[in-house]
Every structure is written in C-alpha cells, then in structure tokens.
Amino acid sequence: MMNIIFFILLGVSIVLMCVKIFAHIYSLMPAVKLKEAKENHKYAILVPARNESHVINNLLSSLDNQKYPKDKFDIYVIVEREDDPTVQICKQYSNCTHFVRPNLNVKTKGAALDQMLKYLLESGKMEEKGYEAVFVFDADNVAADNFLYEMNKTFDAGYELAMCYRNSSNWNGGWVASCSALTFSMINTFNNKFRSRFTERVLVCGTGFFLSTRIIKELGGYPFYCLTEDVELSNWAALNNIKGAYNENTEIFDEQPSSWKVQWNQRVRWIKGHMQVTKKYQKALLKKSITEHDNKFGKLEFAYNILPVAFVVVSLILYCLSMLTMGFIGLFSHQATSIWVMPFIYFGASIFGLYFFLMLYTAAMLLAERKHSNITVGNAIRTVFINPFFMSLWLPIAIFAFFKKEISWKVIEHKGSIDQSEEVEETN
C-alpha cells in the first residue's frame, strides 16, 4: 500500500517539476546574444566593504581594466569608519570614492546600500552625474573585463534589473568551496536562464547585478532589509512587473567559503531570509498571478518557488519513515523475516536511489559549467561523490533556521583566493 502511495506522490512531484525539468533542458542551449548597445550609458557602482581592505584591490583593479569608457562609471565603496585601510586603497583609483555609513545600527547589506543611495539621491549627485543604473558588487569579487560592455547591452535593450553569470574564484579551494560554487550553477544556469528567456524575470543572487535609477528614485533608495535582500528585490520586481534579464555572456568571480562552519551560518541566513521574503510576498504574487494579465506565469513561478522540490523531499522522507516504521514493527513483533526485511530493503533502495540521482545531477551540473569552471578532474570527481551529502544538508539547516528566532548577518572572512586569472582574460 505504501508503495502505491509513494508512486502516486512521485507522479504528482513529476507534474510539479515539469517547469523545472524544462528549465534544466533549456539551460543546455547556447547563450542568447544581445544586440550592440546604441550608446554607452552612465553607471554608479556600489561596493559594501566592511573591513575588506585585503581583498578589495582585486575588484577595483578589474573594474579599472574594463573594456568600457572610464568616464561612464564611478565607483562608491561603502565603509563603516574613516580609518578603514580600504579608504587608502580607494584613493589609488581616479573614479573611486569612499562613503562612510552614517548609521551603523542596522548591520545588513541592504541598509548599507540604502544609505548610499539615499545620499546620492538627496545630495543631487544622482542627477548631477547622470547615472542611469546602479551596479552592486561584493568586495571580494573580480569582474571579467567585458562586464560593463556586456551589461550595458542588457540595459540598452530595455531591462531595468539584470544579473550576470556568477562564477567562483576558488573552485579548487576544498570540497566545501567546490560544492558551494555549484549552488550558483543551479540558480543561474538551471533557473535564471529559463526565467529571463520566458518570463523576463530574474532571481538576483547578491552581486553582479544592476538596478535602474528610475526604480531607485521610485523607491527612494533601497528599502530591502530582509536577511536576503537580493531575493526580496527579485520578488518585489516580479510583483511590480519589472523587466529582468540574465546575461551569461559575462561574469563575475566570487569567493566561496571553504569552512563548513561559515557555510552553515551563511545557509541558515539564506533560508531564514527566504522565509521572510516568502511571508512578505507569496500571497501578493499568487493573487496578482490570478487577477493581473501581465506575466501571470512569471509571478506564479516566483510564488511557488521551491514548492516542487519541497514536495519531492517531503514525499521521500514520509516514504522512508514509513518503511523504517513498518520494518521495526515487524522486527519487534517477531513477524516472519520475509515480512519485516522488505521495508528495510525499500528504505535502503530509496536512500541509494536518491544518492545516485544527486550524483548524476552533480555530474550534469559540472558538465554544463565546464566552460566556466576550472575545477580539476580530481576535485570534480570528489565533488560528484560529496555534493549529494552537501545538498542533503539543506534539510537540517532549514529545520534549524525555522526554529532559530534571531539570526544576524555575520562577517564572512575572505582570503582573496583567485584561481581563475586565465578565465578573466579570456572572457570576451
């Protein structure tokens, strides 16, 4: 009976997963090439940098080497105190200015961006400088030399929110870093590529994105203070019919945590932030997906978000628990061996089947990302075997995040690991 129920649940899961399956298939298609921009637009680049003097020079150097006119962008590095060594590094670049946050009571990235943008708006610099959009970077990033050139095409095409390909700068920095890098493969290659093409929506993942000045003026700054302010921005944009795009023809390199403790804290914050955003936007997205004519599917896709995957996971957990329960009941009630052994066999087959599927999924991701990744063969093989465990840990992390009431943003130490120098030079 439980097997029948399981297969029914599996069938429902496959139906719910149809969109995800199609998105994964579409991810294997060639990148969409954008038309050449009619003009070089003017941009402000914002970099929240709390005690990041040991890594920020890599980012500033990569921006200084952009294949884009230097008089068409200015960099604003956001610090928390005037004596931060980052300030002296900023002075080495002609179009780079530091900004000291006036209010440190709210320690989130969203708050830092909001204060910076309010300053640009209220001081009149946004108008005076003629900024048409604002880019956001993390201090440990490195931008490909064609970044602004390619993203300018995206803005010129009429998109007001856009994300580039987010790559890792330390694919070979240990199993935690390698597995973590694949998280953004799932977000970008297996999701954003589809969203951008068929719904003109995009899930912003932290860095390497732009937001138009028109929207910033409408918002009066950057009023996204959830623990995952990037996800909040993405949901707000979907709700308000903001055209979003994903440009995979350029990339930024981001350092992934190599410590499991840091990775755990980061993921707890992500999940808690997703819970905050879901609570704030899901009902409105579902309602508008029914009542509005504009991009119903785009809103619905954001509203149900991880529901298909969650349904599959819950179905599998319930099945495994039921098999274990039946097995132990049979064992302790002294039933015939042929009766109580089978549930344990089904349980073991389910766990092995899931592990084997996640191994194949990891291998598929690595193959799909082979042009972007410089992971060694040895590390790739190791990642194929370890990543299923890494992905499975989302469940206990989600449970921990659900019951943990207070979660604060914690500093992630960056080592300035860069092992992709050849890829930066070749991206064009």
Protein backbone atom coordinates (compact mmCIF):
# COMPACT_ATOMS: atom_id res chain seq x y z
CA MET A 1 0.00 0.00 0.00
CA MET A 2 2.78 2.43 0.92
CA ASN A 3 4.49 1.72 -2.40
CA ILE A 4 1.30 2.68 -4.25
CA ILE A 5 1.01 5.92 -2.25
CA PHE A 6 4.66 6.67 -2.91
CA PHE A 7 4.27 6.26 -6.66
CA ILE A 8 1.20 8.49 -6.61
CA LEU A 9 3.20 11.15 -4.76
CA LEU A 10 6.07 10.64 -7.18
CA GLY A 11 3.71 11.21 -10.10
CA VAL A 12 2.43 14.44 -8.55
CA SER A 13 6.02 15.51 -7.93
CA ILE A 14 6.96 14.96 -11.59
CA VAL A 15 3.97 17.07 -12.70
CA LEU A 16 5.01 19.88 -10.34
CA MET A 17 8.60 19.55 -11.52
CA CYS A 18 7.77 19.87 -15.23
CA VAL A 19 8.76 23.53 -15.38
CA LYS A 20 12.00 22.83 -13.51
CA ILE A 21 12.79 19.93 -15.83
CA PHE A 22 12.21 22.11 -18.90
CA ALA A 23 14.36 24.86 -17.37
CA HIS A 24 17.20 22.38 -16.92
CA ILE A 25 16.92 21.20 -20.52
CA TYR A 26 16.85 24.77 -21.79
CA SER A 27 20.00 25.55 -19.78
CA LEU A 28 21.97 23.44 -22.24
CA MET A 29 21.05 25.75 -25.12
CA PRO A 30 23.57 28.36 -26.38
CA ALA A 31 23.58 31.77 -24.71
CA VAL A 32 21.36 34.45 -26.23
CA LYS A 33 23.49 37.15 -27.86
CA LEU A 34 22.30 40.72 -27.30
CA LYS A 35 22.46 43.44 -29.93
CA GLU A 36 25.22 46.03 -29.69
CA ALA A 37 24.22 48.95 -27.46
CA LYS A 38 23.27 52.17 -29.19
CA GLU A 39 25.09 54.20 -26.54
CA ASN A 40 27.36 53.87 -23.53
CA HIS A 41 25.20 54.60 -20.52
CA LYS A 42 26.43 56.14 -17.26
CA TYR A 43 26.55 53.97 -14.13
CA ALA A 44 27.29 54.12 -10.42
CA ILE A 45 28.97 51.04 -8.93
CA LEU A 46 28.34 50.38 -5.23
CA VAL A 47 30.58 48.14 -3.14
CA PRO A 48 29.68 47.46 0.52
CA ALA A 49 33.08 46.83 2.09
CA ARG A 50 33.21 46.29 5.84
CA ASN A 51 36.86 45.59 6.70
CA GLU A 52 37.68 44.24 3.23
CA SER A 53 40.99 46.01 2.58
CA HIS A 54 42.80 42.70 1.99
CA VAL A 55 40.63 41.73 -0.98
CA ILE A 56 39.04 44.83 -2.50
CA ASN A 57 42.03 45.79 -4.63
CA ASN A 58 41.35 42.78 -6.87
CA LEU A 59 37.86 44.10 -7.59
CA LEU A 60 38.93 47.71 -8.13
CA SER A 61 41.72 46.60 -10.44
CA SER A 62 39.30 44.51 -12.52
CA LEU A 63 36.93 47.48 -12.80
CA ASP A 64 39.82 49.72 -13.77
CA ASN A 65 40.60 47.32 -16.64
CA GLN A 66 37.09 47.28 -18.09
CA LYS A 67 36.61 47.49 -21.84
CA TYR A 68 34.28 50.41 -21.24
CA PRO A 69 34.88 54.20 -21.09
CA LYS A 70 36.07 55.19 -17.60
CA ASP A 71 34.14 58.45 -17.74
CA LYS A 72 30.94 56.40 -17.94
CA PHE A 73 31.09 54.85 -14.47
CA ASP A 74 32.00 55.85 -10.92
CA ILE A 75 32.74 53.52 -8.01
CA TYR A 76 31.47 54.15 -4.46
CA VAL A 77 32.96 51.95 -1.74
CA ILE A 78 30.86 51.85 1.42
CA VAL A 79 32.84 51.63 4.67
CA GLU A 80 31.96 51.96 8.34
CA ARG A 81 34.79 54.18 9.54
CA GLU A 82 37.19 56.70 8.09
CA ASP A 83 40.31 54.89 9.32
CA ASP A 84 39.44 51.67 7.46
CA PRO A 85 42.53 50.81 5.32
CA THR A 86 40.11 50.37 2.42
CA VAL A 87 39.89 54.17 2.19
CA GLN A 88 43.56 54.49 1.20
CA ILE A 89 43.16 51.80 -1.46
CA CYS A 90 40.21 53.66 -2.96
CA LYS A 91 42.36 56.79 -3.38
CA GLN A 92 44.59 54.90 -5.82
CA TYR A 93 41.79 54.89 -8.42
CA SER A 94 40.66 58.08 -10.13
CA ASN A 95 36.95 57.28 -10.35
CA CYS A 96 36.62 55.64 -6.93
CA THR A 97 35.15 57.38 -3.86
CA HIS A 98 34.62 56.06 -0.35
CA PHE A 99 31.44 56.65 1.62
CA VAL A 100 31.28 56.29 5.42
CA ARG A 101 27.96 54.94 6.61
CA PRO A 102 26.26 57.49 8.91
CA ASN A 103 24.15 54.91 10.76
CA LEU A 104 25.57 51.57 11.87
CA ASN A 105 22.59 50.48 13.96
CA VAL A 106 21.30 48.21 11.20
CA LYS A 107 24.10 45.88 10.11
CA THR A 108 22.82 44.47 6.84
CA LYS A 109 23.95 44.82 3.27
CA GLY A 110 20.56 46.24 2.37
CA ALA A 111 20.97 49.01 4.94
CA ALA A 112 24.42 49.93 3.59
CA LEU A 113 23.08 50.15 0.03
CA ASP A 114 20.03 52.12 1.18
CA GLN A 115 22.16 54.73 2.98
CA MET A 116 24.47 55.08 -0.01
CA LEU A 117 21.61 55.52 -2.48
CA LYS A 118 19.76 57.96 -0.23
CA TYR A 119 22.92 60.05 -0.13
CA LEU A 120 23.22 60.04 -3.93
CA LEU A 121 19.56 60.99 -4.29
CA GLU A 122 19.38 63.63 -1.56
CA SER A 123 22.72 65.26 -2.44
CA GLY A 124 21.67 65.59 -6.06
CA LYS A 125 24.66 63.57 -7.28
CA MET A 126 22.41 61.01 -8.96
CA GLU A 127 21.04 63.73 -11.25
CA GLU A 128 24.25 65.71 -11.49
CA LYS A 129 26.31 62.69 -12.58
CA GLY A 130 23.57 61.37 -14.85
CA TYR A 131 23.61 57.82 -13.51
CA GLU A 132 21.08 55.67 -15.38
CA ALA A 133 21.55 52.49 -13.35
CA VAL A 134 23.42 51.25 -10.30
CA PHE A 135 25.57 48.11 -10.09
CA VAL A 136 26.19 46.21 -6.86
CA PHE A 137 29.33 44.21 -6.12
CA ASP A 138 30.77 42.44 -3.10
CA ALA A 139 34.28 43.48 -2.12
CA ASP A 140 35.79 40.05 -2.81
CA ASN A 141 34.54 39.95 -6.41
CA VAL A 142 36.54 40.16 -9.62
CA ALA A 143 34.76 41.31 -12.78
CA ALA A 144 35.51 39.97 -16.26
CA ASP A 145 36.97 42.71 -18.48
CA ASN A 146 33.85 42.71 -20.70
CA PHE A 147 31.44 43.02 -17.76
CA LEU A 148 30.29 46.61 -18.24
CA TYR A 149 30.39 46.26 -22.02
CA GLU A 150 28.02 43.29 -21.94
CA MET A 151 25.77 44.53 -19.15
CA ASN A 152 25.44 47.85 -20.96
CA LYS A 153 23.90 45.87 -23.85
CA THR A 154 21.36 44.47 -21.39
CA PHE A 155 20.43 47.89 -20.04
CA ASP A 156 20.29 49.36 -23.53
CA ALA A 157 17.85 46.58 -24.51
CA GLY A 158 15.35 47.99 -22.01
CA TYR A 159 15.89 45.82 -18.94
CA GLU A 160 15.80 47.57 -15.56
CA LEU A 161 17.13 44.69 -13.49
CA ALA A 162 19.77 42.25 -14.70
CA MET A 163 22.12 39.60 -13.37
CA CYS A 164 25.34 38.30 -14.89
CA TYR A 165 26.82 34.81 -14.58
CA ARG A 166 28.13 34.40 -11.03
CA ASN A 167 31.24 32.26 -11.09
CA SER A 168 33.54 31.07 -8.31
CA SER A 169 37.11 32.26 -7.81
CA ASN A 170 38.10 29.18 -5.79
CA TRP A 171 36.60 26.10 -7.39
CA ASN A 172 39.60 24.14 -6.10
CA GLY A 173 39.51 25.59 -2.58
CA GLY A 174 38.28 22.39 -0.92
CA TRP A 175 35.11 20.32 -1.08
CA VAL A 176 33.00 22.94 0.70
CA ALA A 177 34.01 25.65 -1.78
CA SER A 178 33.51 23.36 -4.78
CA CYS A 179 30.05 22.25 -3.69
CA SER A 180 29.08 25.79 -2.75
CA ALA A 181 30.04 27.05 -6.22
CA LEU A 182 27.51 24.64 -7.74
CA THR A 183 24.74 26.36 -5.78
CA PHE A 184 25.01 29.32 -8.13
CA SER A 185 25.07 26.99 -11.11
CA MET A 186 21.60 25.85 -10.05
CA ILE A 187 20.41 29.44 -9.57
CA ASN A 188 21.83 30.87 -12.78
CA THR A 189 22.32 28.19 -15.42
CA PHE A 190 19.42 25.94 -14.39
CA ASN A 191 16.92 28.66 -13.38
CA ASN A 192 17.73 32.26 -14.35
CA LYS A 193 18.50 31.33 -17.94
CA PHE A 194 14.97 29.98 -18.31
CA ARG A 195 13.31 32.77 -16.31
CA SER A 196 14.99 35.51 -18.29
CA ARG A 197 14.07 33.99 -21.65
CA PHE A 198 10.44 33.04 -20.99
CA THR A 199 9.21 35.35 -18.21
CA GLU A 200 11.62 38.33 -18.25
CA ARG A 201 12.18 37.78 -14.54
CA VAL A 202 15.44 37.07 -12.74
CA LEU A 203 16.47 35.95 -9.26
CA VAL A 204 19.25 38.25 -8.14
CA CYS A 205 21.91 36.39 -6.18
CA GLY A 206 23.76 39.00 -4.20
CA THR A 207 26.24 40.58 -6.54
CA GLY A 208 26.99 41.37 -10.18
CA PHE A 209 23.59 42.92 -10.89
CA PHE A 210 22.21 46.32 -11.84
CA LEU A 211 19.02 48.18 -10.94
CA SER A 212 17.81 51.17 -12.96
CA THR A 213 17.90 54.64 -11.47
CA ARG A 214 14.23 55.10 -12.35
CA ILE A 215 13.28 52.35 -9.92
CA ILE A 216 15.66 53.62 -7.25
CA LYS A 217 14.05 57.06 -7.45
CA GLU A 218 10.61 55.48 -7.26
CA LEU A 219 11.64 53.54 -4.14
CA GLY A 220 13.52 56.46 -2.60
CA GLY A 221 16.57 54.30 -2.04
CA TYR A 222 16.94 50.57 -1.46
CA PRO A 223 14.24 49.56 1.09
CA PHE A 224 15.09 45.86 1.14
CA TYR A 225 16.21 44.90 4.64
CA CYS A 226 15.46 41.17 4.81
CA LEU A 227 18.36 38.84 5.55
CA THR A 228 18.35 38.02 1.82
CA GLU A 229 17.76 41.49 0.42
CA ASP A 230 18.60 40.28 -3.09
CA VAL A 231 15.74 37.74 -3.02
CA GLU A 232 13.44 40.43 -1.64
CA LEU A 233 14.37 42.74 -4.52
CA SER A 234 13.73 39.92 -7.01
CA ASN A 235 10.28 39.19 -5.60
CA TRP A 236 9.38 42.88 -5.48
CA ALA A 237 10.44 43.22 -9.11
CA ALA A 238 8.33 40.20 -10.15
CA LEU A 239 5.35 41.60 -8.26
CA ASN A 240 5.69 45.02 -9.89
CA ASN A 241 6.30 43.85 -13.48
CA ILE A 242 9.93 44.99 -13.67
CA LYS A 243 11.66 43.51 -16.72
CA GLY A 244 14.60 41.38 -15.61
CA ALA A 245 17.34 39.67 -17.58
CA TYR A 246 20.20 37.23 -17.13
CA ASN A 247 23.29 37.88 -19.25
CA GLU A 248 25.52 34.80 -19.26
CA ASN A 249 27.93 36.34 -21.76
CA THR A 250 29.87 37.96 -18.94
CA GLU A 251 30.70 37.01 -15.39
CA ILE A 252 32.00 37.99 -12.01
CA PHE A 253 34.10 35.76 -9.77
CA ASP A 254 33.08 35.38 -6.15
CA GLU A 255 34.99 33.64 -3.37
CA GLN A 256 33.10 30.75 -1.77
CA PRO A 257 33.52 29.87 1.92
CA SER A 258 35.90 26.94 2.42
CA SER A 259 34.88 26.42 6.07
CA TRP A 260 31.83 24.28 6.80
CA LYS A 261 31.01 26.40 9.88
CA VAL A 262 30.94 29.57 7.77
CA GLN A 263 28.93 27.76 5.10
CA TRP A 264 26.41 26.61 7.72
CA ASN A 265 25.93 30.14 9.08
CA GLN A 266 25.59 31.52 5.57
CA ARG A 267 22.93 28.99 4.58
CA VAL A 268 20.97 29.44 7.79
CA ARG A 269 20.82 33.16 6.96
CA TRP A 270 19.79 32.41 3.37
CA ILE A 271 16.96 30.10 4.41
CA LYS A 272 15.73 32.44 7.13
CA GLY A 273 15.82 35.27 4.61
CA HIS A 274 13.85 33.19 2.09
CA MET A 275 11.25 32.53 4.80
CA GLN A 276 10.96 36.27 5.47
CA VAL A 277 10.55 37.04 1.77
CA THR A 278 8.02 34.24 1.24
CA LYS A 279 5.92 35.51 4.13
CA LYS A 280 6.06 39.05 2.76
CA TYR A 281 5.44 38.44 -0.95
CA GLN A 282 3.95 35.00 -1.67
CA LYS A 283 0.27 35.84 -1.15
CA ALA A 284 0.54 39.03 -3.20
CA LEU A 285 2.33 37.17 -6.03
CA LEU A 286 -0.30 34.44 -6.08
CA LYS A 287 -3.12 36.98 -6.07
CA LYS A 288 -1.63 39.04 -8.90
CA SER A 289 -0.88 35.89 -10.92
CA ILE A 290 -4.67 35.39 -10.98
CA THR A 291 -6.01 38.95 -11.16
CA GLU A 292 -3.47 40.59 -13.49
CA HIS A 293 -2.93 39.88 -17.17
CA ASP A 294 0.74 40.87 -17.28
CA ASN A 295 3.13 37.93 -16.98
CA LYS A 296 0.93 35.62 -14.92
CA PHE A 297 3.35 32.72 -15.22
CA GLY A 298 6.32 34.85 -14.11
CA LYS A 299 4.55 35.77 -10.88
CA LEU A 300 3.30 32.24 -10.29
CA GLU A 301 6.77 30.77 -10.84
CA PHE A 302 8.19 33.09 -8.19
CA ALA A 303 5.28 32.42 -5.83
CA TYR A 304 5.59 28.64 -5.78
CA ASN A 305 9.41 28.95 -5.79
CA ILE A 306 10.78 25.77 -4.15
CA LEU A 307 7.39 24.06 -3.71
CA PRO A 308 8.03 21.33 -6.35
CA VAL A 309 11.38 20.38 -4.82
CA ALA A 310 9.94 20.56 -1.29
CA PHE A 311 7.10 18.26 -2.32
CA VAL A 312 9.55 15.69 -3.66
CA VAL A 313 11.68 15.86 -0.50
CA VAL A 314 8.71 15.59 1.88
CA SER A 315 7.26 12.67 -0.12
CA LEU A 316 10.57 10.80 0.03
CA ILE A 317 11.01 11.47 3.76
CA LEU A 318 7.49 10.23 4.55
CA TYR A 319 8.05 7.11 2.48
CA CYS A 320 11.40 6.35 4.15
CA LEU A 321 9.97 6.91 7.64
CA SER A 322 7.01 4.66 6.89
CA MET A 323 9.34 1.89 5.63
CA LEU A 324 11.50 2.16 8.74
CA THR A 325 8.44 2.12 10.99
CA MET A 326 6.98 -0.94 9.26
CA GLY A 327 10.34 -2.68 9.39
CA PHE A 328 10.84 -2.12 13.11
CA ILE A 329 7.25 -3.05 13.92
CA GLY A 330 7.71 -6.32 12.07
CA LEU A 331 11.08 -6.94 13.71
CA PHE A 332 9.93 -6.37 17.30
CA SER A 333 6.61 -8.17 16.84
CA HIS A 334 8.54 -11.27 15.74
CA GLN A 335 6.91 -11.50 12.34
CA ALA A 336 8.40 -13.68 9.63
CA THR A 337 11.74 -12.44 8.33
CA SER A 338 10.39 -12.21 4.79
CA ILE A 339 7.83 -9.65 6.01
CA TRP A 340 9.94 -7.20 8.03
CA VAL A 341 13.09 -7.33 5.89
CA MET A 342 11.39 -5.93 2.77
CA PRO A 343 10.61 -2.49 4.28
CA PHE A 344 14.29 -2.11 5.20
CA ILE A 345 15.25 -3.08 1.65
CA TYR A 346 12.84 -0.47 0.25
CA PHE A 347 14.29 2.10 2.66
CA GLY A 348 17.85 1.34 1.60
CA ALA A 349 16.93 1.34 -2.08
CA SER A 350 15.26 4.75 -1.71
CA ILE A 351 18.30 6.29 0.02
CA PHE A 352 20.70 4.80 -2.51
CA GLY A 353 18.45 5.88 -5.39
CA LEU A 354 18.38 9.45 -4.12
CA TYR A 355 22.14 9.49 -3.62
CA PHE A 356 22.75 8.08 -7.10
CA PHE A 357 20.36 10.63 -8.66
CA LEU A 358 22.12 13.52 -6.90
CA MET A 359 25.46 12.16 -8.10
CA LEU A 360 24.21 12.21 -11.69
CA TYR A 361 22.74 15.68 -11.13
CA THR A 362 26.08 16.95 -9.82
CA ALA A 363 27.90 15.45 -12.79
CA ALA A 364 25.40 17.13 -15.13
CA MET A 365 25.99 20.49 -13.44
CA LEU A 366 29.76 20.13 -13.74
CA LEU A 367 29.42 19.24 -17.43
CA ALA A 368 27.09 22.19 -18.03
CA GLU A 369 29.57 24.53 -16.30
CA ARG A 370 32.73 23.11 -17.87
CA LYS A 371 33.31 26.27 -19.95
CA HIS A 372 33.13 28.47 -16.85
CA SER A 373 34.80 26.24 -14.30
CA ASN A 374 38.50 25.50 -13.91
CA ILE A 375 37.89 22.71 -11.38
CA THR A 376 40.48 19.95 -11.67
CA VAL A 377 39.45 16.44 -12.69
CA GLY A 378 40.30 15.11 -9.23
CA ASN A 379 38.23 17.76 -7.47
CA ALA A 380 35.37 17.24 -9.91
CA ILE A 381 35.25 13.51 -9.15
CA ARG A 382 35.39 14.16 -5.44
CA THR A 383 32.61 16.75 -5.74
CA VAL A 384 30.37 14.27 -7.60
CA PHE A 385 30.57 11.90 -4.61
CA ILE A 386 30.36 14.54 -1.85
CA ASN A 387 27.84 17.02 -3.24
CA PRO A 388 24.81 14.72 -2.62
CA PHE A 389 25.58 14.91 1.11
CA PHE A 390 26.17 18.66 0.82
CA MET A 391 22.78 19.16 -0.87
CA SER A 392 21.02 16.87 1.63
CA LEU A 393 22.19 19.10 4.48
CA TRP A 394 19.77 21.79 3.28
CA LEU A 395 17.06 19.89 5.19
CA PRO A 396 18.58 20.02 8.72
CA ILE A 397 19.73 23.59 8.04
CA ALA A 398 16.16 24.55 7.09
CA ILE A 399 14.81 22.96 10.27
CA PHE A 400 17.43 24.77 12.35
CA ALA A 401 16.63 28.09 10.65
CA PHE A 402 12.88 27.60 11.16
CA PHE A 403 13.25 27.26 14.94
CA LYS A 404 16.02 29.84 15.38
CA LYS A 405 14.32 33.16 16.13
CA GLU A 406 17.21 35.60 15.92
CA ILE A 407 19.67 35.42 13.05
CA SER A 408 22.10 38.26 12.43
CA TRP A 409 24.36 38.99 9.49
CA LYS A 410 27.86 37.72 10.28
CA VAL A 411 31.09 38.77 8.64
CA ILE A 412 32.44 36.19 6.20
CA GLU A 413 36.21 36.24 6.14
CA HIS A 414 37.60 36.41 2.61
CA LYS A 415 41.07 35.20 1.78
CA GLY A 416 41.27 36.83 -1.61
CA SER A 417 41.55 33.46 -3.35
CA ILE A 418 41.81 33.87 -7.10
CA ASP A 419 42.49 30.83 -9.23
CA GLN A 420 40.72 31.93 -12.40
CA SER A 421 43.05 34.53 -13.90
CA GLU A 422 43.06 32.88 -17.31
CA GLU A 423 39.26 32.89 -17.46
CA VAL A 424 39.12 36.62 -16.67
CA GLU A 425 41.43 37.43 -19.56
CA GLU A 426 39.58 35.18 -21.99
CA THR A 427 36.05 36.40 -21.26
CA ASN A 428 35.07 38.48 -24.25
